[in-house]
Amino acid sequence: MIDLTERQKNLLRAVIEKYIETAEPIGSETIEKEAKLGVSPATIRNEMVRLTGLGYLRQPHTSAGRIPTSMGMKFYVDQLMEEKSLSLKDEVAIKEEFRDQSEPFNRLLKHISQSMANQTRSLAVATDEDGDIYASGMANILDMPEFYDIDITRTVLSMVDRFEMLKQIIDQMRGEEQIRILFGDELGIPYLEPCGFVVTRYQMGNHRGVLGIIGPSRLNYPTVIPTVRYFSQLLSELAR
């Protein structure tokens, strides 16, 4: 992978974060007005062309702005983004929500998926060692432009009914890897190209499984990743 200059990194970060916010191709004029990069509009345009040539951005239509590629999103997650921890208020509220530990395990996983969906405003899933899937937040993704395509939505929703499909994502986790970020075009499953996945393992006593968030490839990773990690840790704590 070619090293990017600091200016290119700052520009790529600005484009991706604006794209996460809007779901629209981002033009150089928008970046020039809002990102405060301290360079001329011509320089921004030239650098966006370079980032496109390097594979970090792409132009969906000739007259449109740019959107990040999977390669660009991976670079952002690995090197550019700053994670945003849950607020103390949210942590206290979640711990209070799960203070009663008498729930049967299957209800607890359903409850966890509901809470994760509320926190991330995405589709949340939890699995157990038997391959059962607990999902919440299906209505959340229906408001996202990427899921206006019925084939994409049908494919994603079928994943929460068929463990074999979801297992293709789970199996991508390597060894003791705790958090895995995947993009649909890595999976080779038709209609999942615009999607992003964040998955993590959990262990609660003798119970083991996976927690995950499913949404568009422009998931708000700075908040989704620490949220998923937090719920995995919460399940471990509930076993004590």
C-alpha atoms as a PDB file:
ATOM      1  CA  MET A   1       0.000   0.000   0.000  1.00  0.00           C
ATOM      2  CA  ILE A   2       1.415   3.402  -0.996  1.00  0.00           C
ATOM      3  CA  ASP A   3       2.092   5.776   1.897  1.00  0.00           C
ATOM      4  CA  LEU A   4      -0.169   8.808   1.867  1.00  0.00           C
ATOM      5  CA  THR A   5       0.958  12.308   2.712  1.00  0.00           C
ATOM      6  CA  GLU A   6      -0.510  13.993   5.779  1.00  0.00           C
ATOM      7  CA  ARG A   7      -2.558  16.219   3.492  1.00  0.00           C
ATOM      8  CA  GLN A   8      -3.975  13.207   1.678  1.00  0.00           C
ATOM      9  CA  LYS A   9      -4.787  11.509   4.997  1.00  0.00           C
ATOM     10  CA  ASN A  10      -6.596  14.610   6.261  1.00  0.00           C
ATOM     11  CA  LEU A  11      -8.512  14.895   3.009  1.00  0.00           C
ATOM     12  CA  LEU A  12      -9.465  11.215   2.996  1.00  0.00           C
ATOM     13  CA  ARG A  13     -10.654  11.488   6.603  1.00  0.00           C
ATOM     14  CA  ALA A  14     -12.756  14.543   5.748  1.00  0.00           C
ATOM     15  CA  VAL A  15     -14.351  12.856   2.723  1.00  0.00           C
ATOM     16  CA  ILE A  16     -15.152   9.651   4.621  1.00  0.00           C
ATOM     17  CA  GLU A  17     -16.600  11.372   7.682  1.00  0.00           C
ATOM     18  CA  LYS A  18     -18.797  13.574   5.499  1.00  0.00           C
ATOM     19  CA  TYR A  19     -19.890  10.505   3.542  1.00  0.00           C
ATOM     20  CA  ILE A  20     -20.747   8.664   6.784  1.00  0.00           C
ATOM     21  CA  GLU A  21     -22.921  11.631   7.700  1.00  0.00           C
ATOM     22  CA  THR A  22     -24.690  12.194   4.367  1.00  0.00           C
ATOM     23  CA  ALA A  23     -24.538   8.965   2.295  1.00  0.00           C
ATOM     24  CA  GLU A  24     -23.943  11.241  -0.712  1.00  0.00           C
ATOM     25  CA  PRO A  25     -20.906  11.532  -3.010  1.00  0.00           C
ATOM     26  CA  ILE A  26     -18.649  14.280  -1.663  1.00  0.00           C
ATOM     27  CA  GLY A  27     -17.419  17.052  -3.953  1.00  0.00           C
ATOM     28  CA  SER A  28     -14.308  19.184  -3.553  1.00  0.00           C
ATOM     29  CA  GLU A  29     -16.487  22.268  -2.932  1.00  0.00           C
ATOM     30  CA  THR A  30     -18.018  20.649   0.159  1.00  0.00           C
ATOM     31  CA  ILE A  31     -14.596  19.747   1.536  1.00  0.00           C
ATOM     32  CA  GLU A  32     -13.220  23.210   0.805  1.00  0.00           C
ATOM     33  CA  LYS A  33     -16.112  24.858   2.680  1.00  0.00           C
ATOM     34  CA  GLU A  34     -16.350  22.533   5.664  1.00  0.00           C
ATOM     35  CA  ALA A  35     -13.063  20.722   6.290  1.00  0.00           C
ATOM     36  CA  LYS A  36     -10.772  23.741   6.804  1.00  0.00           C
ATOM     37  CA  LEU A  37      -7.764  21.976   5.310  1.00  0.00           C
ATOM     38  CA  GLY A  38      -5.997  25.219   4.523  1.00  0.00           C
ATOM     39  CA  VAL A  39      -5.437  24.448   0.843  1.00  0.00           C
ATOM     40  CA  SER A  40      -6.957  25.772  -2.357  1.00  0.00           C
ATOM     41  CA  PRO A  41      -9.987  24.197  -4.067  1.00  0.00           C
ATOM     42  CA  ALA A  42      -7.728  23.243  -7.003  1.00  0.00           C
ATOM     43  CA  THR A  43      -5.388  21.386  -4.664  1.00  0.00           C
ATOM     44  CA  ILE A  44      -8.326  19.535  -3.097  1.00  0.00           C
ATOM     45  CA  ARG A  45      -9.577  18.514  -6.539  1.00  0.00           C
ATOM     46  CA  ASN A  46      -6.135  17.293  -7.590  1.00  0.00           C
ATOM     47  CA  GLU A  47      -5.640  15.313  -4.399  1.00  0.00           C
ATOM     48  CA  MET A  48      -9.075  13.725  -4.731  1.00  0.00           C
ATOM     49  CA  VAL A  49      -8.113  12.612  -8.232  1.00  0.00           C
ATOM     50  CA  ARG A  50      -4.890  11.122  -6.835  1.00  0.00           C
ATOM     51  CA  LEU A  51      -6.750   9.311  -4.048  1.00  0.00           C
ATOM     52  CA  THR A  52      -9.127   7.937  -6.671  1.00  0.00           C
ATOM     53  CA  GLY A  53      -6.214   6.720  -8.768  1.00  0.00           C
ATOM     54  CA  LEU A  54      -4.695   5.044  -5.698  1.00  0.00           C
ATOM     55  CA  GLY A  55      -7.936   3.173  -5.000  1.00  0.00           C
ATOM     56  CA  TYR A  56      -9.053   4.957  -1.810  1.00  0.00           C
ATOM     57  CA  LEU A  57     -11.952   6.829  -3.448  1.00  0.00           C
ATOM     58  CA  ARG A  58     -14.178   6.211  -6.418  1.00  0.00           C
ATOM     59  CA  GLN A  59     -16.484   8.334  -8.515  1.00  0.00           C
ATOM     60  CA  PRO A  60     -19.880   6.618  -8.915  1.00  0.00           C
ATOM     61  CA  HIS A  61     -20.942   8.941 -11.742  1.00  0.00           C
ATOM     62  CA  THR A  62     -18.948  11.162 -14.072  1.00  0.00           C
ATOM     63  CA  SER A  63     -20.414  14.391 -12.722  1.00  0.00           C
ATOM     64  CA  ALA A  64     -20.619  13.242  -9.098  1.00  0.00           C
ATOM     65  CA  GLY A  65     -18.281  13.684  -6.182  1.00  0.00           C
ATOM     66  CA  ARG A  66     -16.323  10.841  -4.619  1.00  0.00           C
ATOM     67  CA  ILE A  67     -17.177   8.102  -2.153  1.00  0.00           C
ATOM     68  CA  PRO A  68     -14.734   5.854  -0.290  1.00  0.00           C
ATOM     69  CA  THR A  69     -13.906   2.372  -1.524  1.00  0.00           C
ATOM     70  CA  SER A  70     -13.591  -0.592   0.847  1.00  0.00           C
ATOM     71  CA  MET A  71      -9.853   0.000   0.735  1.00  0.00           C
ATOM     72  CA  GLY A  72     -10.401   3.609   1.776  1.00  0.00           C
ATOM     73  CA  MET A  73     -12.748   2.623   4.592  1.00  0.00           C
ATOM     74  CA  LYS A  74     -10.283   0.016   5.877  1.00  0.00           C
ATOM     75  CA  PHE A  75      -7.489   2.589   5.880  1.00  0.00           C
ATOM     76  CA  TYR A  76      -9.754   4.979   7.758  1.00  0.00           C
ATOM     77  CA  VAL A  77     -10.663   2.394  10.394  1.00  0.00           C
ATOM     78  CA  ASP A  78      -7.071   1.200  10.828  1.00  0.00           C
ATOM     79  CA  GLN A  79      -5.220   4.512  10.769  1.00  0.00           C
ATOM     80  CA  LEU A  80      -7.375   7.637  10.662  1.00  0.00           C
ATOM     81  CA  MET A  81     -10.442   7.380  12.859  1.00  0.00           C
ATOM     82  CA  GLU A  82     -10.609   8.237  16.534  1.00  0.00           C
ATOM     83  CA  GLU A  83     -12.828   5.948  18.580  1.00  0.00           C
ATOM     84  CA  LYS A  84     -15.508   7.648  20.656  1.00  0.00           C
ATOM     85  CA  SER A  85     -16.127   5.839  23.925  1.00  0.00           C
ATOM     86  CA  LEU A  86     -19.628   5.520  25.295  1.00  0.00           C
ATOM     87  CA  SER A  87     -20.540   8.462  27.449  1.00  0.00           C
ATOM     88  CA  LEU A  88     -20.623   7.908  31.198  1.00  0.00           C
ATOM     89  CA  LYS A  89     -24.368   8.554  31.055  1.00  0.00           C
ATOM     90  CA  ASP A  90     -24.853   5.771  28.489  1.00  0.00           C
ATOM     91  CA  GLU A  91     -22.651   3.351  30.422  1.00  0.00           C
ATOM     92  CA  VAL A  92     -24.595   3.943  33.635  1.00  0.00           C
ATOM     93  CA  ALA A  93     -27.932   3.572  31.807  1.00  0.00           C
ATOM     94  CA  ILE A  94     -26.879   0.298  30.151  1.00  0.00           C
ATOM     95  CA  LYS A  95     -25.532  -1.191  33.374  1.00  0.00           C
ATOM     96  CA  GLU A  96     -28.754  -0.248  35.117  1.00  0.00           C
ATOM     97  CA  GLU A  97     -30.728  -1.827  32.278  1.00  0.00           C
ATOM     98  CA  PHE A  98     -28.921  -5.132  32.848  1.00  0.00           C
ATOM     99  CA  ARG A  99     -28.748  -4.962  36.629  1.00  0.00           C
ATOM    100  CA  ASP A 100     -31.286  -7.795  36.943  1.00  0.00           C
ATOM    101  CA  GLN A 101     -29.241 -10.885  36.059  1.00  0.00           C
ATOM    102  CA  SER A 102     -32.101 -13.344  36.476  1.00  0.00           C
ATOM    103  CA  GLU A 103     -33.068 -13.285  32.776  1.00  0.00           C
ATOM    104  CA  PRO A 104     -32.820 -16.649  30.991  1.00  0.00           C
ATOM    105  CA  PHE A 105     -29.827 -16.627  28.660  1.00  0.00           C
ATOM    106  CA  ASN A 106     -31.896 -16.564  25.459  1.00  0.00           C
ATOM    107  CA  ARG A 107     -33.837 -13.527  26.713  1.00  0.00           C
ATOM    108  CA  LEU A 108     -30.604 -11.856  27.752  1.00  0.00           C
ATOM    109  CA  LEU A 109     -29.176 -12.192  24.227  1.00  0.00           C
ATOM    110  CA  LYS A 110     -32.377 -10.755  22.768  1.00  0.00           C
ATOM    111  CA  HIS A 111     -32.172  -7.907  25.282  1.00  0.00           C
ATOM    112  CA  ILE A 112     -28.499  -7.310  24.398  1.00  0.00           C
ATOM    113  CA  SER A 113     -29.306  -7.148  20.684  1.00  0.00           C
ATOM    114  CA  GLN A 114     -32.092  -4.630  21.347  1.00  0.00           C
ATOM    115  CA  SER A 115     -29.807  -2.421  23.403  1.00  0.00           C
ATOM    116  CA  MET A 116     -27.013  -2.588  20.803  1.00  0.00           C
ATOM    117  CA  ALA A 117     -29.467  -1.673  18.031  1.00  0.00           C
ATOM    118  CA  ASN A 118     -30.677   1.327  20.034  1.00  0.00           C
ATOM    119  CA  GLN A 119     -27.136   2.514  20.731  1.00  0.00           C
ATOM    120  CA  THR A 120     -25.880   2.170  17.142  1.00  0.00           C
ATOM    121  CA  ARG A 121     -29.147   2.825  15.246  1.00  0.00           C
ATOM    122  CA  SER A 122     -28.314  -0.194  13.103  1.00  0.00           C
ATOM    123  CA  LEU A 123     -29.221  -3.874  12.849  1.00  0.00           C
ATOM    124  CA  ALA A 124     -27.747  -5.802  15.793  1.00  0.00           C
ATOM    125  CA  VAL A 125     -27.344  -9.562  16.103  1.00  0.00           C
ATOM    126  CA  ALA A 126     -26.249 -11.951  18.825  1.00  0.00           C
ATOM    127  CA  THR A 127     -25.609 -15.667  18.395  1.00  0.00           C
ATOM    128  CA  ASP A 128     -25.207 -18.489  20.873  1.00  0.00           C
ATOM    129  CA  GLU A 129     -23.184 -21.710  20.698  1.00  0.00           C
ATOM    130  CA  ASP A 130     -26.189 -23.553  19.228  1.00  0.00           C
ATOM    131  CA  GLY A 131     -26.387 -21.255  16.213  1.00  0.00           C
ATOM    132  CA  ASP A 132     -29.512 -19.439  17.354  1.00  0.00           C
ATOM    133  CA  ILE A 133     -29.692 -15.802  16.199  1.00  0.00           C
ATOM    134  CA  TYR A 134     -31.228 -12.922  18.130  1.00  0.00           C
ATOM    135  CA  ALA A 135     -31.696  -9.795  16.041  1.00  0.00           C
ATOM    136  CA  SER A 136     -33.049  -6.298  16.632  1.00  0.00           C
ATOM    137  CA  GLY A 137     -33.156  -3.010  14.771  1.00  0.00           C
ATOM    138  CA  MET A 138     -34.426  -4.147  11.399  1.00  0.00           C
ATOM    139  CA  ALA A 139     -36.443  -0.946  11.133  1.00  0.00           C
ATOM    140  CA  ASN A 140     -33.247   1.079  11.613  1.00  0.00           C
ATOM    141  CA  ILE A 141     -31.688  -0.004   8.336  1.00  0.00           C
ATOM    142  CA  LEU A 142     -34.864   0.608   6.337  1.00  0.00           C
ATOM    143  CA  ASP A 143     -34.311   4.347   6.768  1.00  0.00           C
ATOM    144  CA  MET A 144     -30.849   4.170   5.163  1.00  0.00           C
ATOM    145  CA  PRO A 145     -30.547   4.888   1.418  1.00  0.00           C
ATOM    146  CA  GLU A 146     -28.407   1.805   0.808  1.00  0.00           C
ATOM    147  CA  PHE A 147     -31.340  -0.391   1.809  1.00  0.00           C
ATOM    148  CA  TYR A 148     -33.907   1.173  -0.498  1.00  0.00           C
ATOM    149  CA  ASP A 149     -32.818  -1.590  -2.899  1.00  0.00           C
ATOM    150  CA  ILE A 150     -35.112  -4.501  -2.083  1.00  0.00           C
ATOM    151  CA  ASP A 151     -32.540  -7.125  -3.128  1.00  0.00           C
ATOM    152  CA  ILE A 152     -29.969  -5.756  -0.679  1.00  0.00           C
ATOM    153  CA  THR A 153     -32.513  -5.575   2.129  1.00  0.00           C
ATOM    154  CA  ARG A 154     -33.851  -9.060   1.427  1.00  0.00           C
ATOM    155  CA  THR A 155     -30.336 -10.514   1.502  1.00  0.00           C
ATOM    156  CA  VAL A 156     -29.441  -8.799   4.779  1.00  0.00           C
ATOM    157  CA  LEU A 157     -32.679  -9.787   6.476  1.00  0.00           C
ATOM    158  CA  SER A 158     -32.308 -13.378   5.327  1.00  0.00           C
ATOM    159  CA  MET A 159     -28.985 -13.461   7.197  1.00  0.00           C
ATOM    160  CA  VAL A 160     -30.762 -13.075  10.518  1.00  0.00           C
ATOM    161  CA  ASP A 161     -32.892 -16.129   9.723  1.00  0.00           C
ATOM    162  CA  ARG A 162     -30.123 -18.403   8.423  1.00  0.00           C
ATOM    163  CA  PHE A 163     -27.099 -19.057  10.592  1.00  0.00           C
ATOM    164  CA  GLU A 164     -25.228 -20.578   7.628  1.00  0.00           C
ATOM    165  CA  MET A 165     -25.168 -17.148   5.936  1.00  0.00           C
ATOM    166  CA  LEU A 166     -24.147 -15.324   9.095  1.00  0.00           C
ATOM    167  CA  LYS A 167     -21.484 -17.955   9.729  1.00  0.00           C
ATOM    168  CA  GLN A 168     -19.692 -16.845   6.556  1.00  0.00           C
ATOM    169  CA  ILE A 169     -19.017 -13.552   8.340  1.00  0.00           C
ATOM    170  CA  ILE A 170     -18.202 -15.126  11.709  1.00  0.00           C
ATOM    171  CA  ASP A 171     -15.695 -17.473  10.067  1.00  0.00           C
ATOM    172  CA  GLN A 172     -13.722 -14.456   8.826  1.00  0.00           C
ATOM    173  CA  MET A 173     -12.540 -13.794  12.394  1.00  0.00           C
ATOM    174  CA  ARG A 174      -8.953 -14.930  12.841  1.00  0.00           C
ATOM    175  CA  GLY A 175      -7.710 -16.806  15.879  1.00  0.00           C
ATOM    176  CA  GLU A 176      -8.188 -14.766  19.015  1.00  0.00           C
ATOM    177  CA  GLU A 177      -9.094 -11.613  17.086  1.00  0.00           C
ATOM    178  CA  GLN A 178     -11.547  -9.643  19.225  1.00  0.00           C
ATOM    179  CA  ILE A 179     -13.056  -7.207  16.720  1.00  0.00           C
ATOM    180  CA  ARG A 180     -13.431  -7.780  12.996  1.00  0.00           C
ATOM    181  CA  ILE A 181     -14.603  -5.203  10.448  1.00  0.00           C
ATOM    182  CA  LEU A 182     -15.773  -6.628   7.137  1.00  0.00           C
ATOM    183  CA  PHE A 183     -17.161  -5.139   3.959  1.00  0.00           C
ATOM    184  CA  GLY A 184     -19.678  -6.840   1.728  1.00  0.00           C
ATOM    185  CA  ASP A 185     -17.450  -6.990  -1.325  1.00  0.00           C
ATOM    186  CA  GLU A 186     -15.035  -9.213   0.636  1.00  0.00           C
ATOM    187  CA  LEU A 187     -17.643 -11.930   1.135  1.00  0.00           C
ATOM    188  CA  GLY A 188     -18.594 -12.810  -2.424  1.00  0.00           C
ATOM    189  CA  ILE A 189     -22.291 -12.840  -1.529  1.00  0.00           C
ATOM    190  CA  PRO A 190     -24.509 -11.114  -4.123  1.00  0.00           C
ATOM    191  CA  TYR A 191     -26.135  -7.814  -3.037  1.00  0.00           C
ATOM    192  CA  LEU A 192     -23.983  -7.365   0.080  1.00  0.00           C
ATOM    193  CA  GLU A 193     -21.435  -5.060  -1.595  1.00  0.00           C
ATOM    194  CA  PRO A 194     -22.820  -1.846   0.010  1.00  0.00           C
ATOM    195  CA  CYS A 195     -22.826  -3.380   3.512  1.00  0.00           C
ATOM    196  CA  GLY A 196     -20.486  -3.224   6.477  1.00  0.00           C
ATOM    197  CA  PHE A 197     -20.182  -5.581   9.444  1.00  0.00           C
ATOM    198  CA  VAL A 198     -18.586  -5.256  12.874  1.00  0.00           C
ATOM    199  CA  VAL A 199     -18.378  -8.520  14.831  1.00  0.00           C
ATOM    200  CA  THR A 200     -16.854  -9.555  18.130  1.00  0.00           C
ATOM    201  CA  ARG A 201     -16.763 -12.669  20.284  1.00  0.00           C
ATOM    202  CA  TYR A 202     -18.143 -12.891  23.786  1.00  0.00           C
ATOM    203  CA  GLN A 203     -17.875 -15.406  26.614  1.00  0.00           C
ATOM    204  CA  MET A 204     -20.281 -15.451  29.522  1.00  0.00           C
ATOM    205  CA  GLY A 205     -19.473 -18.324  31.827  1.00  0.00           C
ATOM    206  CA  ASN A 206     -19.928 -21.452  29.729  1.00  0.00           C
ATOM    207  CA  HIS A 207     -21.743 -19.542  27.009  1.00  0.00           C
ATOM    208  CA  ARG A 208     -19.916 -18.342  23.903  1.00  0.00           C
ATOM    209  CA  GLY A 209     -21.012 -16.643  20.728  1.00  0.00           C
ATOM    210  CA  VAL A 210     -20.760 -13.545  18.604  1.00  0.00           C
ATOM    211  CA  LEU A 211     -22.210 -10.046  18.735  1.00  0.00           C
ATOM    212  CA  GLY A 212     -22.465  -8.021  15.554  1.00  0.00           C
ATOM    213  CA  ILE A 213     -23.679  -4.851  13.913  1.00  0.00           C
ATOM    214  CA  ILE A 214     -24.864  -4.848  10.295  1.00  0.00           C
ATOM    215  CA  GLY A 215     -25.425  -1.708   8.279  1.00  0.00           C
ATOM    216  CA  PRO A 216     -24.132   0.192   5.279  1.00  0.00           C
ATOM    217  CA  SER A 217     -20.393   0.238   4.582  1.00  0.00           C
ATOM    218  CA  ARG A 218     -20.432   3.805   5.950  1.00  0.00           C
ATOM    219  CA  LEU A 219     -21.281   2.641   9.467  1.00  0.00           C
ATOM    220  CA  ASN A 220     -20.229   5.148  12.091  1.00  0.00           C
ATOM    221  CA  TYR A 221     -17.216   3.013  13.044  1.00  0.00           C
ATOM    222  CA  PRO A 222     -15.796   5.461  15.645  1.00  0.00           C
ATOM    223  CA  THR A 223     -18.889   4.809  17.792  1.00  0.00           C
ATOM    224  CA  VAL A 224     -19.959   1.342  16.605  1.00  0.00           C
ATOM    225  CA  ILE A 225     -16.645  -0.398  17.332  1.00  0.00           C
ATOM    226  CA  PRO A 226     -16.333   0.690  20.989  1.00  0.00           C
ATOM    227  CA  THR A 227     -20.045   0.007  21.505  1.00  0.00           C
ATOM    228  CA  VAL A 228     -19.742  -3.578  20.279  1.00  0.00           C
ATOM    229  CA  ARG A 229     -16.629  -4.052  22.408  1.00  0.00           C
ATOM    230  CA  TYR A 230     -18.457  -2.667  25.457  1.00  0.00           C
ATOM    231  CA  PHE A 231     -21.363  -5.123  25.148  1.00  0.00           C
ATOM    232  CA  SER A 232     -18.942  -8.037  24.814  1.00  0.00           C
ATOM    233  CA  GLN A 233     -17.233  -6.950  28.032  1.00  0.00           C
ATOM    234  CA  LEU A 234     -20.621  -6.455  29.688  1.00  0.00           C
ATOM    235  CA  LEU A 235     -21.577 -10.087  29.039  1.00  0.00           C
ATOM    236  CA  SER A 236     -18.299 -11.201  30.626  1.00  0.00           C
ATOM    237  CA  GLU A 237     -19.030  -9.053  33.679  1.00  0.00           C
ATOM    238  CA  LEU A 238     -22.563 -10.433  34.026  1.00  0.00           C
ATOM    239  CA  ALA A 239     -21.102 -13.914  34.484  1.00  0.00           C
ATOM    240  CA  ARG A 240     -19.250 -12.887  37.672  1.00  0.00           C
END
